[in-house]
C-alpha atoms as a PDB file:
ATOM      1  CA  VAL A   1     -12.979  -1.573   1.580  1.00  0.00           C
ATOM      2  CA  MET A   2      -9.332  -0.402   1.682  1.00  0.00           C
ATOM      3  CA  THR A   3      -9.003  -0.375   5.475  1.00  0.00           C
ATOM      4  CA  ARG A   4     -10.411  -3.879   5.709  1.00  0.00           C
ATOM      5  CA  TYR A   5      -7.927  -5.004   3.070  1.00  0.00           C
ATOM      6  CA  ILE A   6      -5.025  -3.391   4.853  1.00  0.00           C
ATOM      7  CA  SER A   7      -6.155  -4.840   8.253  1.00  0.00           C
ATOM      8  CA  ASN A   8      -5.047  -8.237   6.919  1.00  0.00           C
ATOM      9  CA  PRO A   9      -1.357  -8.585   7.728  1.00  0.00           C
ATOM     10  CA  ASP A  10      -0.590 -10.626   4.617  1.00  0.00           C
ATOM     11  CA  ASN A  11      -2.200  -8.030   2.374  1.00  0.00           C
ATOM     12  CA  LEU A  12      -0.327  -5.284   4.257  1.00  0.00           C
ATOM     13  CA  LYS A  13       3.008  -6.986   3.514  1.00  0.00           C
ATOM     14  CA  LEU A  14       1.995  -7.382  -0.088  1.00  0.00           C
ATOM     15  CA  MET A  15       1.177  -3.698  -0.340  1.00  0.00           C
ATOM     16  CA  MET A  16       4.501  -2.675   1.203  1.00  0.00           C
ATOM     17  CA  ASN A  17       6.463  -4.932  -1.175  1.00  0.00           C
ATOM     18  CA  MET A  18       4.583  -3.345  -4.117  1.00  0.00           C
ATOM     19  CA  LEU A  19       5.341   0.137  -2.776  1.00  0.00           C
ATOM     20  CA  LYS A  20       9.059  -0.648  -2.683  1.00  0.00           C
ATOM     21  CA  GLU A  21       9.084  -1.958  -6.270  1.00  0.00           C
ATOM     22  CA  LYS A  22       7.049   0.874  -7.786  1.00  0.00           C
ATOM     23  CA  SER A  23       8.272   4.327  -8.748  1.00  0.00           C
ATOM     24  CA  ARG A  24       8.365   7.252  -6.332  1.00  0.00           C
ATOM     25  CA  ASN A  25       5.312   8.773  -8.045  1.00  0.00           C
ATOM     26  CA  ILE A  26       3.176   5.653  -7.451  1.00  0.00           C
ATOM     27  CA  GLN A  27       4.409   5.467  -3.858  1.00  0.00           C
ATOM     28  CA  PHE A  28       3.214   9.102  -3.346  1.00  0.00           C
ATOM     29  CA  GLU A  29      -0.234   8.271  -4.716  1.00  0.00           C
ATOM     30  CA  ALA A  30      -0.435   5.096  -2.586  1.00  0.00           C
ATOM     31  CA  PHE A  31       0.586   7.154   0.486  1.00  0.00           C
ATOM     32  CA  HIS A  32      -2.469   9.339   0.027  1.00  0.00           C
ATOM     33  CA  VAL A  33      -4.650   6.151   0.106  1.00  0.00           C
ATOM     34  CA  PHE A  34      -3.268   5.414   3.553  1.00  0.00           C
ATOM     35  CA  LYS A  35      -4.187   8.841   4.908  1.00  0.00           C
END
C-alpha cells in the first residue's frame, strides 16, 4: 500500500512537505518506512 501511495508524484511531494514540517524524530520514523 505504501509503495503504491508513494509512486504517485503528488503524494510523494505531500510526504516530503510533511517530513520538512515535522520534528526530527518523526522524520527518522518516516525514513524507516521508505527503506
